[in-house]
Amino acid sequence: GNGGGGGETCTAPAWDPARVYNGGDTVSYGGHNWRAKWWVTGDKPGTTGQWGVWEDLGAC
């Protein structure tokens, strides 16, 4: 269960530029967790901007 602790840990798999991600998939990259908003492959988390495919879930 959820212990109610603060902060996420980098439990998501590391981002892989060769992999296809679907909306809702999470990855870790650059010390942050990221969630794909839609289908994506090859776009590096943190480079797509506020309206890009990767949602920054915060440091982990």
Protein backbone atom coordinates (compact mmCIF):
# COMPACT_ATOMS: atom_id res chain seq x y z
CA GLY A 1 0.00 0.00 0.00
CA ASN A 2 0.86 3.66 -0.01
CA GLY A 3 2.62 4.75 3.15
CA GLY A 4 1.67 8.36 2.56
CA GLY A 5 5.30 9.44 2.26
CA GLY A 6 6.19 12.64 0.49
CA GLY A 7 7.97 12.61 -2.84
CA GLU A 8 8.16 10.04 -5.55
CA THR A 9 11.05 7.68 -5.98
CA CYS A 10 12.59 6.91 -9.34
CA THR A 11 10.85 3.57 -9.59
CA ALA A 12 9.83 4.10 -13.20
CA PRO A 13 12.07 2.45 -15.80
CA ALA A 14 14.73 4.65 -17.35
CA TRP A 15 13.69 6.39 -20.56
CA ASP A 16 14.75 4.44 -23.65
CA PRO A 17 14.96 6.43 -26.91
CA ALA A 18 14.27 3.31 -28.96
CA ARG A 19 11.11 2.33 -27.12
CA VAL A 20 7.55 3.27 -28.05
CA TYR A 21 5.59 4.71 -25.13
CA ASN A 22 1.82 5.02 -24.93
CA GLY A 23 -0.20 7.61 -23.06
CA GLY A 24 0.07 7.04 -19.31
CA ASP A 25 3.44 5.31 -19.46
CA THR A 26 5.95 6.62 -16.94
CA VAL A 27 9.73 6.82 -17.17
CA SER A 28 12.56 8.24 -15.13
CA TYR A 29 15.08 10.58 -16.74
CA GLY A 30 17.40 13.27 -15.43
CA GLY A 31 16.33 12.73 -11.83
CA HIS A 32 12.66 13.26 -12.61
CA ASN A 33 9.67 11.03 -13.25
CA TRP A 34 7.83 11.72 -16.50
CA ARG A 35 4.48 10.57 -17.86
CA ALA A 36 3.67 10.32 -21.55
CA LYS A 37 0.48 12.17 -22.45
CA TRP A 38 0.14 10.27 -25.72
CA TRP A 39 2.05 7.90 -28.01
CA VAL A 40 5.70 8.91 -28.29
CA THR A 41 9.05 7.53 -29.31
CA GLY A 42 12.45 9.22 -29.41
CA ASP A 43 11.42 12.52 -27.80
CA LYS A 44 13.68 13.12 -24.81
CA PRO A 45 11.83 14.06 -21.60
CA GLY A 46 12.41 17.68 -20.66
CA THR A 47 12.92 18.88 -24.22
CA THR A 48 9.33 19.00 -25.45
CA GLY A 49 8.23 21.98 -23.34
CA GLN A 50 5.17 22.66 -21.22
CA TRP A 51 2.78 21.56 -23.96
CA GLY A 52 4.90 18.62 -25.11
CA VAL A 53 4.26 14.95 -24.75
CA TRP A 54 6.12 14.45 -21.45
CA GLU A 55 4.49 15.62 -18.24
CA ASP A 56 7.04 16.33 -15.51
CA LEU A 57 5.93 14.48 -12.38
CA GLY A 58 8.67 16.08 -10.32
CA ALA A 59 12.04 15.18 -8.93
CA CYS A 60 12.58 11.69 -7.61
